[in-house]
Amino acid sequence: MKSSHYERLFLLNRCLEQVVEVLKEFQQEKLIHPEYAKSRKRATEDLRSDLSGVITGLLCERERALGVALVRAESQQEQKDEGPVKPQIREVLRRPQRD
């Protein structure tokens, strides 16, 4: 999985956190009303949470699908290389070697 996806997700989260920080500063400077600042901070945090959850879920699904495809490809390659092997023997062959 490309790390750039995770880097962009991190950047997205950080940018939305900065929005909340700027809203706090505006509120402290009495430029915006505290109730308005509170509602906008909550909306921004909800947006950040929603986006993070959805994007993380999609990345997880993509990684899982890639993992399944890799296991299937390895399994097919093993079957081609091994030929007809009994399931019990195949299980023994897959076990990690102990030192």
C-alpha atoms as a PDB file:
ATOM      1  CA  MET A   1       0.000   0.000   0.000  1.00  0.00           C
ATOM      2  CA  LYS A   2       1.326   3.402  -0.865  1.00  0.00           C
ATOM      3  CA  SER A   3       2.432   5.340   2.164  1.00  0.00           C
ATOM      4  CA  SER A   4       1.361   8.505   0.345  1.00  0.00           C
ATOM      5  CA  HIS A   5      -2.263   7.599   1.123  1.00  0.00           C
ATOM      6  CA  TYR A   6      -1.477   7.568   4.819  1.00  0.00           C
ATOM      7  CA  GLU A   7       0.629  10.703   4.540  1.00  0.00           C
ATOM      8  CA  ARG A   8      -2.271  12.531   2.884  1.00  0.00           C
ATOM      9  CA  LEU A   9      -4.677  11.266   5.544  1.00  0.00           C
ATOM     10  CA  PHE A  10      -2.299  12.565   8.213  1.00  0.00           C
ATOM     11  CA  LEU A  11      -2.081  15.907   6.396  1.00  0.00           C
ATOM     12  CA  LEU A  12      -5.870  16.101   6.092  1.00  0.00           C
ATOM     13  CA  ASN A  13      -6.270  15.466   9.818  1.00  0.00           C
ATOM     14  CA  ARG A  14      -3.596  18.000  10.678  1.00  0.00           C
ATOM     15  CA  CYS A  15      -5.172  20.678   8.458  1.00  0.00           C
ATOM     16  CA  LEU A  16      -8.573  20.205  10.056  1.00  0.00           C
ATOM     17  CA  GLU A  17      -6.971  20.386  13.510  1.00  0.00           C
ATOM     18  CA  GLN A  18      -5.431  23.693  12.439  1.00  0.00           C
ATOM     19  CA  VAL A  19      -8.888  24.965  11.455  1.00  0.00           C
ATOM     20  CA  VAL A  20     -10.046  24.266  15.011  1.00  0.00           C
ATOM     21  CA  GLU A  21      -6.985  26.056  16.408  1.00  0.00           C
ATOM     22  CA  VAL A  22      -7.659  29.130  14.244  1.00  0.00           C
ATOM     23  CA  LEU A  23     -11.293  29.187  15.351  1.00  0.00           C
ATOM     24  CA  LYS A  24     -10.121  29.188  18.977  1.00  0.00           C
ATOM     25  CA  GLU A  25      -7.823  32.118  18.238  1.00  0.00           C
ATOM     26  CA  PHE A  26     -10.652  34.071  16.591  1.00  0.00           C
ATOM     27  CA  GLN A  27     -12.827  33.349  19.599  1.00  0.00           C
ATOM     28  CA  GLN A  28     -10.111  34.482  22.043  1.00  0.00           C
ATOM     29  CA  GLU A  29      -9.711  37.696  20.047  1.00  0.00           C
ATOM     30  CA  LYS A  30     -13.497  38.120  20.288  1.00  0.00           C
ATOM     31  CA  LEU A  31     -13.769  38.252  16.518  1.00  0.00           C
ATOM     32  CA  ILE A  32     -16.385  35.476  16.497  1.00  0.00           C
ATOM     33  CA  HIS A  33     -19.013  34.644  19.107  1.00  0.00           C
ATOM     34  CA  PRO A  34     -18.174  31.716  21.448  1.00  0.00           C
ATOM     35  CA  GLU A  35     -21.320  29.784  20.474  1.00  0.00           C
ATOM     36  CA  TYR A  36     -20.540  30.141  16.777  1.00  0.00           C
ATOM     37  CA  ALA A  37     -16.939  29.084  17.376  1.00  0.00           C
ATOM     38  CA  LYS A  38     -18.143  26.105  19.394  1.00  0.00           C
ATOM     39  CA  SER A  39     -20.544  24.940  16.674  1.00  0.00           C
ATOM     40  CA  ARG A  40     -17.934  25.371  13.909  1.00  0.00           C
ATOM     41  CA  LYS A  41     -15.295  23.513  15.956  1.00  0.00           C
ATOM     42  CA  ARG A  42     -17.738  20.662  16.529  1.00  0.00           C
ATOM     43  CA  ALA A  43     -18.635  20.558  12.825  1.00  0.00           C
ATOM     44  CA  THR A  44     -14.950  20.541  11.857  1.00  0.00           C
ATOM     45  CA  GLU A  45     -14.152  17.772  14.340  1.00  0.00           C
ATOM     46  CA  ASP A  46     -17.117  15.746  13.080  1.00  0.00           C
ATOM     47  CA  LEU A  47     -15.917  16.192   9.503  1.00  0.00           C
ATOM     48  CA  ARG A  48     -12.377  15.140  10.447  1.00  0.00           C
ATOM     49  CA  SER A  49     -13.682  12.090  12.291  1.00  0.00           C
ATOM     50  CA  ASP A  50     -15.976  11.071   9.441  1.00  0.00           C
ATOM     51  CA  LEU A  51     -13.316  11.481   6.761  1.00  0.00           C
ATOM     52  CA  SER A  52     -10.719   9.612   8.817  1.00  0.00           C
ATOM     53  CA  GLY A  53     -13.084   6.742   9.485  1.00  0.00           C
ATOM     54  CA  VAL A  54     -14.188   6.370   5.886  1.00  0.00           C
ATOM     55  CA  ILE A  55     -10.718   6.721   4.363  1.00  0.00           C
ATOM     56  CA  THR A  56      -9.141   4.383   6.920  1.00  0.00           C
ATOM     57  CA  GLY A  57     -11.848   1.813   6.218  1.00  0.00           C
ATOM     58  CA  LEU A  58     -11.309   2.058   2.471  1.00  0.00           C
ATOM     59  CA  LEU A  59      -7.541   1.708   2.858  1.00  0.00           C
ATOM     60  CA  CYS A  60      -8.067  -1.311   5.108  1.00  0.00           C
ATOM     61  CA  GLU A  61     -10.366  -2.952   2.543  1.00  0.00           C
ATOM     62  CA  ARG A  62      -7.865  -2.289  -0.221  1.00  0.00           C
ATOM     63  CA  GLU A  63      -5.012  -3.783   1.820  1.00  0.00           C
ATOM     64  CA  ARG A  64      -7.122  -6.818   2.696  1.00  0.00           C
ATOM     65  CA  ALA A  65      -8.017  -7.359  -0.973  1.00  0.00           C
ATOM     66  CA  LEU A  66      -4.363  -7.069  -1.977  1.00  0.00           C
ATOM     67  CA  GLY A  67      -3.416  -9.530   0.744  1.00  0.00           C
ATOM     68  CA  VAL A  68      -6.041 -12.043  -0.402  1.00  0.00           C
ATOM     69  CA  ALA A  69      -4.884 -11.690  -4.001  1.00  0.00           C
ATOM     70  CA  LEU A  70      -1.277 -12.240  -2.940  1.00  0.00           C
ATOM     71  CA  VAL A  71      -2.137 -15.360  -0.935  1.00  0.00           C
ATOM     72  CA  ARG A  72      -4.142 -16.740  -3.842  1.00  0.00           C
ATOM     73  CA  ALA A  73      -1.309 -16.087  -6.279  1.00  0.00           C
ATOM     74  CA  GLU A  74       1.197 -17.755  -3.936  1.00  0.00           C
ATOM     75  CA  SER A  75      -1.142 -20.694  -3.429  1.00  0.00           C
ATOM     76  CA  GLN A  76      -1.603 -21.161  -7.158  1.00  0.00           C
ATOM     77  CA  GLN A  77       2.148 -20.961  -7.681  1.00  0.00           C
ATOM     78  CA  GLU A  78       2.740 -23.522  -4.920  1.00  0.00           C
ATOM     79  CA  GLN A  79       0.211 -25.869  -6.476  1.00  0.00           C
ATOM     80  CA  LYS A  80       1.943 -25.575  -9.831  1.00  0.00           C
ATOM     81  CA  ASP A  81       5.364 -26.143  -8.248  1.00  0.00           C
ATOM     82  CA  GLU A  82       4.330 -28.981  -5.922  1.00  0.00           C
ATOM     83  CA  GLY A  83       1.921 -30.842  -8.097  1.00  0.00           C
ATOM     84  CA  PRO A  84      -0.528 -33.116  -6.306  1.00  0.00           C
ATOM     85  CA  VAL A  85       0.423 -32.993  -2.608  1.00  0.00           C
ATOM     86  CA  LYS A  86      -1.719 -34.368   0.182  1.00  0.00           C
ATOM     87  CA  PRO A  87      -3.202 -31.649   2.445  1.00  0.00           C
ATOM     88  CA  GLN A  88      -1.433 -33.074   5.550  1.00  0.00           C
ATOM     89  CA  ILE A  89       1.956 -32.877   3.838  1.00  0.00           C
ATOM     90  CA  ARG A  90       1.256 -29.363   2.575  1.00  0.00           C
ATOM     91  CA  GLU A  91       0.448 -28.265   6.157  1.00  0.00           C
ATOM     92  CA  VAL A  92       3.748 -29.691   7.424  1.00  0.00           C
ATOM     93  CA  LEU A  93       5.601 -27.892   4.653  1.00  0.00           C
ATOM     94  CA  ARG A  94       3.997 -24.557   5.588  1.00  0.00           C
ATOM     95  CA  ARG A  95       4.906 -24.755   9.275  1.00  0.00           C
ATOM     96  CA  PRO A  96       7.820 -22.545  10.324  1.00  0.00           C
ATOM     97  CA  GLN A  97      11.122 -24.283  10.916  1.00  0.00           C
ATOM     98  CA  ARG A  98      12.306 -24.422  14.529  1.00  0.00           C
ATOM     99  CA  ASP A  99      15.952 -23.918  15.363  1.00  0.00           C
END
